[in-house]
Protein backbone atom coordinates (compact mmCIF):
# COMPACT_ATOMS: atom_id res chain seq x y z
CA MET A 1 -32.87 -29.31 -40.17
CA ARG A 2 -30.44 -26.56 -39.23
CA ILE A 3 -29.00 -24.51 -42.08
CA SER A 4 -25.54 -23.07 -41.60
CA ARG A 5 -25.20 -19.31 -41.24
CA TRP A 6 -22.41 -19.33 -43.85
CA LEU A 7 -24.91 -20.60 -46.41
CA PHE A 8 -27.14 -17.59 -45.71
CA VAL A 9 -24.14 -15.25 -45.99
CA GLY A 10 -23.13 -16.86 -49.28
CA LEU A 11 -26.65 -16.54 -50.66
CA ALA A 12 -26.76 -12.90 -49.58
CA ILE A 13 -23.47 -12.15 -51.34
CA VAL A 14 -24.52 -13.92 -54.55
CA GLY A 15 -27.88 -12.13 -54.50
CA GLY A 16 -26.11 -8.83 -53.81
CA LEU A 17 -23.84 -9.35 -56.80
CA GLY A 18 -26.84 -10.09 -58.99
CA ALA A 19 -28.76 -7.07 -57.70
CA ALA A 20 -25.78 -4.77 -58.22
CA PHE A 21 -25.28 -6.11 -61.73
CA GLY A 22 -28.99 -5.57 -62.47
CA PHE A 23 -28.78 -1.96 -61.31
CA ILE A 24 -25.63 -1.41 -63.41
CA ILE A 25 -27.46 -2.80 -66.48
CA TYR A 26 -30.38 -0.48 -65.70
CA ALA A 27 -28.11 2.55 -65.65
CA ALA A 28 -26.13 1.50 -68.74
CA ASN A 29 -29.18 0.89 -70.91
CA GLY A 30 -30.71 4.15 -69.69
CA MET A 31 -27.62 5.97 -70.92
CA VAL A 32 -27.80 4.16 -74.26
CA ALA A 33 -31.44 5.16 -74.69
CA GLY A 34 -30.56 8.75 -73.80
CA ASP A 35 -27.80 8.81 -76.41
CA LEU A 36 -30.06 7.39 -79.12
CA ILE A 37 -32.95 9.81 -78.57
CA GLY A 38 -33.05 12.32 -81.39
CA LEU A 39 -31.40 10.13 -84.01
CA THR A 40 -33.67 9.37 -86.94
CA GLY A 41 -34.51 5.76 -87.67
CA ARG A 42 -33.39 4.52 -84.25
CA GLU A 43 -36.80 4.26 -82.58
CA HIS A 44 -36.61 0.46 -82.40
CA ASN A 45 -33.19 0.59 -80.74
CA ILE A 46 -34.47 3.16 -78.24
CA ALA A 47 -37.43 0.94 -77.36
CA LEU A 48 -35.13 -2.08 -77.01
CA ALA A 49 -32.72 -0.19 -74.72
CA GLN A 50 -35.60 1.06 -72.59
CA HIS A 51 -37.01 -2.48 -72.36
CA ARG A 52 -33.63 -3.87 -71.30
CA SER A 53 -33.29 -1.06 -68.78
CA VAL A 54 -36.65 -1.92 -67.20
CA ILE A 55 -35.72 -5.62 -67.08
CA GLY A 56 -32.43 -4.73 -65.37
CA LEU A 57 -34.25 -2.61 -62.80
CA LEU A 58 -36.82 -5.34 -62.14
CA SER A 59 -34.17 -8.03 -61.69
CA GLY A 60 -32.17 -5.76 -59.39
CA VAL A 61 -35.19 -5.04 -57.20
CA LEU A 62 -36.24 -8.70 -57.04
CA LEU A 63 -32.74 -9.81 -56.12
CA GLN A 64 -32.60 -7.01 -53.53
CA PHE A 65 -35.72 -8.48 -51.91
CA GLY A 66 -34.03 -11.88 -52.01
CA VAL A 67 -30.98 -10.52 -50.19
CA ALA A 68 -33.20 -8.88 -47.56
CA GLY A 69 -35.13 -12.13 -47.12
CA THR A 70 -31.93 -14.11 -46.76
CA LEU A 71 -30.57 -11.74 -44.14
CA PHE A 72 -33.93 -11.69 -42.32
CA SER A 73 -34.10 -15.48 -42.17
CA SER A 74 -30.55 -15.72 -40.83
CA MET A 75 -31.25 -13.44 -37.84
CA GLU A 76 -31.75 -14.76 -34.34
CA ARG A 77 -35.38 -15.23 -33.32
CA LYS A 78 -35.48 -14.88 -29.56
CA ASP A 79 -38.94 -13.44 -28.93
CA GLY A 80 -40.42 -13.73 -32.39
CA TYR A 81 -40.09 -11.33 -35.26
CA HIS A 82 -39.63 -7.65 -34.59
CA VAL A 83 -39.82 -4.64 -36.85
CA GLY A 84 -36.22 -3.85 -35.93
CA ASN A 85 -35.06 -7.16 -37.41
CA PHE A 86 -36.85 -6.34 -40.64
CA PHE A 87 -35.27 -2.89 -40.92
CA MET A 88 -31.83 -4.28 -40.08
CA ALA A 89 -32.26 -6.87 -42.86
CA VAL A 90 -33.26 -4.18 -45.37
CA LEU A 91 -30.34 -1.93 -44.39
CA GLY A 92 -27.98 -4.90 -44.49
CA ALA A 93 -29.27 -5.81 -47.97
CA CYS A 94 -28.61 -2.28 -49.19
CA ALA A 95 -25.11 -2.42 -47.73
CA VAL A 96 -24.36 -5.81 -49.30
CA THR A 97 -25.60 -4.65 -52.71
CA SER A 98 -23.63 -1.40 -52.49
CA VAL A 99 -20.42 -3.21 -51.59
CA CYS A 100 -20.97 -5.75 -54.38
CA GLY A 101 -21.65 -2.97 -56.88
CA PHE A 102 -18.51 -1.17 -55.79
CA ALA A 103 -16.54 -4.41 -56.23
CA ILE A 104 -18.00 -4.93 -59.71
CA MET A 105 -17.10 -1.37 -60.73
CA LEU A 106 -13.55 -1.75 -59.37
CA GLY A 107 -13.19 -5.04 -61.21
CA MET A 108 -14.38 -3.50 -64.46
CA ARG A 109 -12.00 -0.59 -64.01
CA ALA A 110 -9.07 -2.94 -63.23
CA LEU A 111 -9.73 -5.06 -66.34
CA ARG A 112 -10.12 -2.06 -68.61
């Protein structure tokens, strides 16, 4: 069964949006934890913000691997798998996630 290349591109974009959103959540909860440090009686809120930050980082990294895997599986396989294909998929995944993160930030700024 042949899967369309547009399906791979769509999956990469959706995964890139999820990864970018996960990294944004990681940064936002890290800033919240930093603001709460030093306030008395807020230890539980600090622990919760740090926990959410770690979950955001983990989801961003896992989705980043998903984007790289999607791009790697959509590449042409002429003489088997090469290391160059793998590095191109990883660089492409970073580019997709960066562009999606930039689009999310522009959208948040436009709706503000």
